[in-house]
């Protein structure tokens, strides 16, 4: 026998005849004898499962949702919503992703970039698209993987297609570590 830590995400209880007897829940056995059903119950708790995921998949900055159960697949963060070009580019990416069926969150708050990035890490959305004035001048946005921290500069015009590709790839991957 080995003792190790575990996380309870489900349960099974043997109820015996406690409920079946008063309900007169009966069956005929192989010999044709009437018997009381022995009942049990089992279940997987959604909130327990979510708590287990968070306990297992986090770092010092917050949660790291796997794509398969993330509340959002992509977090679009315009660095400066007061800049019309930045705001419109971010909204365009958001709308394009939404139309393609990607679950996307747009951080359109008028906050400093550091606050937005910290909040994005805390929420743990798997992919973050950062739209900033400097990148837009070069025709790119940043695509960051929350799990690995890897950042790629991708063309603004192809951002929706690239993000959709990565989301679809991530959702079809059968890896317990996604």
C-alpha atoms as a PDB file:
ATOM      1  CA  UNK A   1       0.000   0.000   0.000  1.00  0.00           C
ATOM      2  CA  UNK A   2       1.184   3.488  -0.829  1.00  0.00           C
ATOM      3  CA  UNK A   3      -0.050   6.680   0.786  1.00  0.00           C
ATOM      4  CA  UNK A   4      -0.289   9.735  -1.480  1.00  0.00           C
ATOM      5  CA  UNK A   5      -2.295  12.908  -1.835  1.00  0.00           C
ATOM      6  CA  UNK A   6      -5.410  12.976  -3.938  1.00  0.00           C
ATOM      7  CA  UNK A   7      -8.244  15.232  -4.954  1.00  0.00           C
ATOM      8  CA  UNK A   8     -11.856  14.183  -4.575  1.00  0.00           C
ATOM      9  CA  UNK A   9     -13.828  15.139  -7.645  1.00  0.00           C
ATOM     10  CA  UNK A  10     -16.543  12.537  -7.375  1.00  0.00           C
ATOM     11  CA  UNK A  11     -18.146  10.168  -4.923  1.00  0.00           C
ATOM     12  CA  UNK A  12     -19.927   6.842  -4.638  1.00  0.00           C
ATOM     13  CA  UNK A  13     -22.216   5.979  -1.728  1.00  0.00           C
ATOM     14  CA  UNK A  14     -23.833   2.635  -1.013  1.00  0.00           C
ATOM     15  CA  UNK A  15     -27.331   3.451   0.249  1.00  0.00           C
ATOM     16  CA  UNK A  16     -28.365  -0.144   0.791  1.00  0.00           C
ATOM     17  CA  UNK A  17     -32.099  -0.645   1.275  1.00  0.00           C
ATOM     18  CA  UNK A  18     -32.651   2.615   3.191  1.00  0.00           C
ATOM     19  CA  UNK A  19     -34.668   4.254   0.395  1.00  0.00           C
ATOM     20  CA  UNK A  20     -35.649   1.265  -1.744  1.00  0.00           C
ATOM     21  CA  UNK A  21     -37.451  -0.532   1.081  1.00  0.00           C
ATOM     22  CA  UNK A  22     -39.869   2.342   1.921  1.00  0.00           C
ATOM     23  CA  UNK A  23     -40.466   2.843  -1.832  1.00  0.00           C
ATOM     24  CA  UNK A  24     -41.067  -0.874  -2.246  1.00  0.00           C
ATOM     25  CA  UNK A  25     -38.486  -0.941  -5.046  1.00  0.00           C
ATOM     26  CA  UNK A  26     -38.194  -4.651  -5.747  1.00  0.00           C
ATOM     27  CA  UNK A  27     -37.003  -7.089  -8.402  1.00  0.00           C
ATOM     28  CA  UNK A  28     -37.248 -10.812  -9.046  1.00  0.00           C
ATOM     29  CA  UNK A  29     -33.972 -12.680  -8.741  1.00  0.00           C
ATOM     30  CA  UNK A  30     -32.950 -15.625 -10.952  1.00  0.00           C
ATOM     31  CA  UNK A  31     -35.015 -18.016  -8.791  1.00  0.00           C
ATOM     32  CA  UNK A  32     -38.084 -15.778  -9.074  1.00  0.00           C
ATOM     33  CA  UNK A  33     -37.841 -14.567  -5.488  1.00  0.00           C
ATOM     34  CA  UNK A  34     -38.805 -10.949  -4.851  1.00  0.00           C
ATOM     35  CA  UNK A  35     -35.940  -8.938  -3.325  1.00  0.00           C
ATOM     36  CA  UNK A  36     -35.412  -5.328  -2.317  1.00  0.00           C
ATOM     37  CA  UNK A  37     -33.101  -3.317  -4.569  1.00  0.00           C
ATOM     38  CA  UNK A  38     -29.787  -2.313  -3.036  1.00  0.00           C
ATOM     39  CA  UNK A  39     -29.276   1.308  -4.019  1.00  0.00           C
ATOM     40  CA  UNK A  40     -26.200   3.422  -4.584  1.00  0.00           C
ATOM     41  CA  UNK A  41     -25.442   6.882  -5.810  1.00  0.00           C
ATOM     42  CA  UNK A  42     -22.489   8.376  -7.585  1.00  0.00           C
ATOM     43  CA  UNK A  43     -21.605  11.691  -9.059  1.00  0.00           C
ATOM     44  CA  UNK A  44     -18.899  13.970 -10.293  1.00  0.00           C
ATOM     45  CA  UNK A  45     -19.038  17.421  -8.774  1.00  0.00           C
ATOM     46  CA  UNK A  46     -18.554  20.226 -11.270  1.00  0.00           C
ATOM     47  CA  UNK A  47     -17.351  22.648  -8.610  1.00  0.00           C
ATOM     48  CA  UNK A  48     -14.995  20.020  -7.209  1.00  0.00           C
ATOM     49  CA  UNK A  49     -13.617  19.391 -10.673  1.00  0.00           C
ATOM     50  CA  UNK A  50     -13.042  23.102 -11.300  1.00  0.00           C
ATOM     51  CA  UNK A  51     -11.322  23.438  -7.921  1.00  0.00           C
ATOM     52  CA  UNK A  52      -9.118  20.443  -8.724  1.00  0.00           C
ATOM     53  CA  UNK A  53      -8.124  21.948 -12.081  1.00  0.00           C
ATOM     54  CA  UNK A  54      -7.218  25.243 -10.447  1.00  0.00           C
ATOM     55  CA  UNK A  55      -5.272  23.473  -7.701  1.00  0.00           C
ATOM     56  CA  UNK A  56      -3.268  21.536 -10.275  1.00  0.00           C
ATOM     57  CA  UNK A  57      -2.916  24.197 -12.982  1.00  0.00           C
ATOM     58  CA  UNK A  58      -1.757  27.498 -11.566  1.00  0.00           C
ATOM     59  CA  UNK A  59       1.389  29.467 -10.953  1.00  0.00           C
ATOM     60  CA  UNK A  60       2.340  32.465  -8.843  1.00  0.00           C
ATOM     61  CA  UNK A  61       0.387  34.728 -11.241  1.00  0.00           C
ATOM     62  CA  UNK A  62      -2.936  32.900 -11.175  1.00  0.00           C
ATOM     63  CA  UNK A  63      -4.906  30.191 -12.928  1.00  0.00           C
ATOM     64  CA  UNK A  64      -3.888  28.452 -16.149  1.00  0.00           C
ATOM     65  CA  UNK A  65      -7.028  27.058 -17.767  1.00  0.00           C
ATOM     66  CA  UNK A  66      -6.684  24.214 -20.256  1.00  0.00           C
ATOM     67  CA  UNK A  67      -8.424  25.114 -23.528  1.00  0.00           C
ATOM     68  CA  UNK A  68     -10.879  22.233 -23.126  1.00  0.00           C
ATOM     69  CA  UNK A  69     -12.598  23.761 -20.078  1.00  0.00           C
ATOM     70  CA  UNK A  70     -11.534  27.401 -20.134  1.00  0.00           C
ATOM     71  CA  UNK A  71     -14.376  29.901 -19.717  1.00  0.00           C
ATOM     72  CA  UNK A  72     -12.779  31.778 -22.632  1.00  0.00           C
ATOM     73  CA  UNK A  73     -10.231  30.566 -25.175  1.00  0.00           C
ATOM     74  CA  UNK A  74      -8.742  33.976 -25.947  1.00  0.00           C
ATOM     75  CA  UNK A  75      -8.295  37.233 -24.047  1.00  0.00           C
ATOM     76  CA  UNK A  76      -7.917  40.272 -26.341  1.00  0.00           C
ATOM     77  CA  UNK A  77      -6.115  43.096 -24.563  1.00  0.00           C
ATOM     78  CA  UNK A  78      -5.870  46.490 -26.249  1.00  0.00           C
ATOM     79  CA  UNK A  79      -3.016  48.326 -24.527  1.00  0.00           C
ATOM     80  CA  UNK A  80      -4.654  51.745 -24.837  1.00  0.00           C
ATOM     81  CA  UNK A  81      -8.407  51.846 -25.488  1.00  0.00           C
ATOM     82  CA  UNK A  82      -8.261  55.634 -25.886  1.00  0.00           C
ATOM     83  CA  UNK A  83      -6.186  55.186 -29.059  1.00  0.00           C
ATOM     84  CA  UNK A  84      -8.786  54.740 -31.808  1.00  0.00           C
ATOM     85  CA  UNK A  85      -6.556  52.598 -34.041  1.00  0.00           C
ATOM     86  CA  UNK A  86      -5.721  50.246 -31.179  1.00  0.00           C
ATOM     87  CA  UNK A  87      -9.326  50.017 -30.019  1.00  0.00           C
ATOM     88  CA  UNK A  88     -10.664  49.340 -33.518  1.00  0.00           C
ATOM     89  CA  UNK A  89      -8.023  46.694 -34.228  1.00  0.00           C
ATOM     90  CA  UNK A  90      -8.791  44.939 -30.924  1.00  0.00           C
ATOM     91  CA  UNK A  91     -12.531  45.086 -31.556  1.00  0.00           C
ATOM     92  CA  UNK A  92     -12.010  43.733 -35.074  1.00  0.00           C
ATOM     93  CA  UNK A  93     -10.038  40.755 -33.760  1.00  0.00           C
ATOM     94  CA  UNK A  94     -12.638  40.185 -31.047  1.00  0.00           C
ATOM     95  CA  UNK A  95     -15.511  40.268 -33.547  1.00  0.00           C
ATOM     96  CA  UNK A  96     -13.647  38.059 -36.021  1.00  0.00           C
ATOM     97  CA  UNK A  97     -12.940  35.450 -33.374  1.00  0.00           C
ATOM     98  CA  UNK A  98     -16.526  35.581 -32.105  1.00  0.00           C
ATOM     99  CA  UNK A  99     -17.869  35.017 -35.631  1.00  0.00           C
ATOM    100  CA  UNK A 100     -15.589  31.989 -35.972  1.00  0.00           C
ATOM    101  CA  UNK A 101     -16.962  30.432 -32.781  1.00  0.00           C
ATOM    102  CA  UNK A 102     -14.020  31.186 -30.516  1.00  0.00           C
ATOM    103  CA  UNK A 103     -14.956  32.041 -26.937  1.00  0.00           C
ATOM    104  CA  UNK A 104     -13.261  35.403 -26.518  1.00  0.00           C
ATOM    105  CA  UNK A 105     -13.009  38.072 -23.827  1.00  0.00           C
ATOM    106  CA  UNK A 106     -12.227  41.706 -24.680  1.00  0.00           C
ATOM    107  CA  UNK A 107     -10.615  43.818 -21.964  1.00  0.00           C
ATOM    108  CA  UNK A 108     -11.859  47.236 -23.015  1.00  0.00           C
ATOM    109  CA  UNK A 109     -11.236  48.852 -19.631  1.00  0.00           C
ATOM    110  CA  UNK A 110      -9.379  52.133 -19.460  1.00  0.00           C
ATOM    111  CA  UNK A 111      -6.593  50.773 -17.244  1.00  0.00           C
ATOM    112  CA  UNK A 112      -2.808  50.789 -17.398  1.00  0.00           C
ATOM    113  CA  UNK A 113      -1.313  47.926 -19.466  1.00  0.00           C
ATOM    114  CA  UNK A 114       0.359  46.374 -16.399  1.00  0.00           C
ATOM    115  CA  UNK A 115      -2.968  46.050 -14.616  1.00  0.00           C
ATOM    116  CA  UNK A 116      -4.566  44.468 -17.682  1.00  0.00           C
ATOM    117  CA  UNK A 117      -1.700  41.988 -18.127  1.00  0.00           C
ATOM    118  CA  UNK A 118      -1.722  41.057 -14.433  1.00  0.00           C
ATOM    119  CA  UNK A 119      -5.497  40.543 -14.505  1.00  0.00           C
ATOM    120  CA  UNK A 120      -5.184  38.477 -17.694  1.00  0.00           C
ATOM    121  CA  UNK A 121      -2.648  36.195 -16.010  1.00  0.00           C
ATOM    122  CA  UNK A 122      -4.815  35.953 -12.901  1.00  0.00           C
ATOM    123  CA  UNK A 123      -7.845  34.878 -14.984  1.00  0.00           C
ATOM    124  CA  UNK A 124      -5.697  32.325 -16.810  1.00  0.00           C
ATOM    125  CA  UNK A 125      -7.318  32.430 -20.263  1.00  0.00           C
ATOM    126  CA  UNK A 126      -5.120  30.142 -22.425  1.00  0.00           C
ATOM    127  CA  UNK A 127      -4.280  32.654 -25.175  1.00  0.00           C
ATOM    128  CA  UNK A 128      -3.838  36.417 -24.955  1.00  0.00           C
ATOM    129  CA  UNK A 129      -3.777  38.737 -27.965  1.00  0.00           C
ATOM    130  CA  UNK A 130      -2.139  42.045 -27.098  1.00  0.00           C
ATOM    131  CA  UNK A 131      -2.931  44.933 -29.417  1.00  0.00           C
ATOM    132  CA  UNK A 132      -0.660  47.947 -29.012  1.00  0.00           C
ATOM    133  CA  UNK A 133       0.275  51.073 -30.912  1.00  0.00           C
ATOM    134  CA  UNK A 134       3.914  50.010 -31.417  1.00  0.00           C
ATOM    135  CA  UNK A 135       2.989  46.604 -32.782  1.00  0.00           C
ATOM    136  CA  UNK A 136       0.296  48.034 -35.031  1.00  0.00           C
ATOM    137  CA  UNK A 137       2.889  50.373 -36.576  1.00  0.00           C
ATOM    138  CA  UNK A 138       4.791  47.210 -37.559  1.00  0.00           C
ATOM    139  CA  UNK A 139       1.540  45.506 -38.625  1.00  0.00           C
ATOM    140  CA  UNK A 140       1.604  42.923 -35.825  1.00  0.00           C
ATOM    141  CA  UNK A 141      -0.066  41.922 -32.575  1.00  0.00           C
ATOM    142  CA  UNK A 142       1.353  39.692 -29.859  1.00  0.00           C
ATOM    143  CA  UNK A 143      -0.051  36.231 -29.201  1.00  0.00           C
ATOM    144  CA  UNK A 144       0.910  34.866 -25.786  1.00  0.00           C
ATOM    145  CA  UNK A 145       0.398  31.342 -24.493  1.00  0.00           C
ATOM    146  CA  UNK A 146      -0.550  31.572 -20.807  1.00  0.00           C
ATOM    147  CA  UNK A 147       0.835  28.127 -19.984  1.00  0.00           C
ATOM    148  CA  UNK A 148       4.269  28.448 -21.572  1.00  0.00           C
ATOM    149  CA  UNK A 149       4.635  32.225 -21.643  1.00  0.00           C
ATOM    150  CA  UNK A 150       5.742  32.004 -25.286  1.00  0.00           C
ATOM    151  CA  UNK A 151       5.000  35.177 -27.250  1.00  0.00           C
ATOM    152  CA  UNK A 152       4.710  35.327 -31.027  1.00  0.00           C
ATOM    153  CA  UNK A 153       4.340  38.453 -33.114  1.00  0.00           C
ATOM    154  CA  UNK A 154       1.738  37.720 -35.778  1.00  0.00           C
ATOM    155  CA  UNK A 155       0.412  39.882 -38.622  1.00  0.00           C
ATOM    156  CA  UNK A 156      -2.724  41.829 -37.689  1.00  0.00           C
ATOM    157  CA  UNK A 157      -4.448  40.752 -40.910  1.00  0.00           C
ATOM    158  CA  UNK A 158      -3.884  37.063 -40.155  1.00  0.00           C
ATOM    159  CA  UNK A 159      -4.432  37.226 -36.396  1.00  0.00           C
ATOM    160  CA  UNK A 160      -7.944  35.790 -36.420  1.00  0.00           C
ATOM    161  CA  UNK A 161      -6.944  32.848 -38.632  1.00  0.00           C
ATOM    162  CA  UNK A 162      -3.825  32.099 -36.561  1.00  0.00           C
ATOM    163  CA  UNK A 163      -5.683  32.254 -33.254  1.00  0.00           C
ATOM    164  CA  UNK A 164      -8.500  30.061 -34.591  1.00  0.00           C
ATOM    165  CA  UNK A 165      -5.883  27.558 -35.833  1.00  0.00           C
ATOM    166  CA  UNK A 166      -4.223  27.404 -32.420  1.00  0.00           C
ATOM    167  CA  UNK A 167      -7.515  27.063 -30.568  1.00  0.00           C
ATOM    168  CA  UNK A 168      -8.689  24.267 -32.864  1.00  0.00           C
ATOM    169  CA  UNK A 169      -5.319  22.535 -32.622  1.00  0.00           C
ATOM    170  CA  UNK A 170      -5.383  22.800 -28.844  1.00  0.00           C
ATOM    171  CA  UNK A 171      -8.928  21.488 -28.585  1.00  0.00           C
ATOM    172  CA  UNK A 172      -8.230  18.467 -30.785  1.00  0.00           C
ATOM    173  CA  UNK A 173      -5.040  17.510 -29.009  1.00  0.00           C
ATOM    174  CA  UNK A 174      -5.667  14.619 -26.638  1.00  0.00           C
ATOM    175  CA  UNK A 175      -3.054  15.536 -24.095  1.00  0.00           C
ATOM    176  CA  UNK A 176      -3.715  15.566 -20.363  1.00  0.00           C
ATOM    177  CA  UNK A 177      -1.264  18.453 -20.082  1.00  0.00           C
ATOM    178  CA  UNK A 178      -3.018  20.867 -22.469  1.00  0.00           C
END
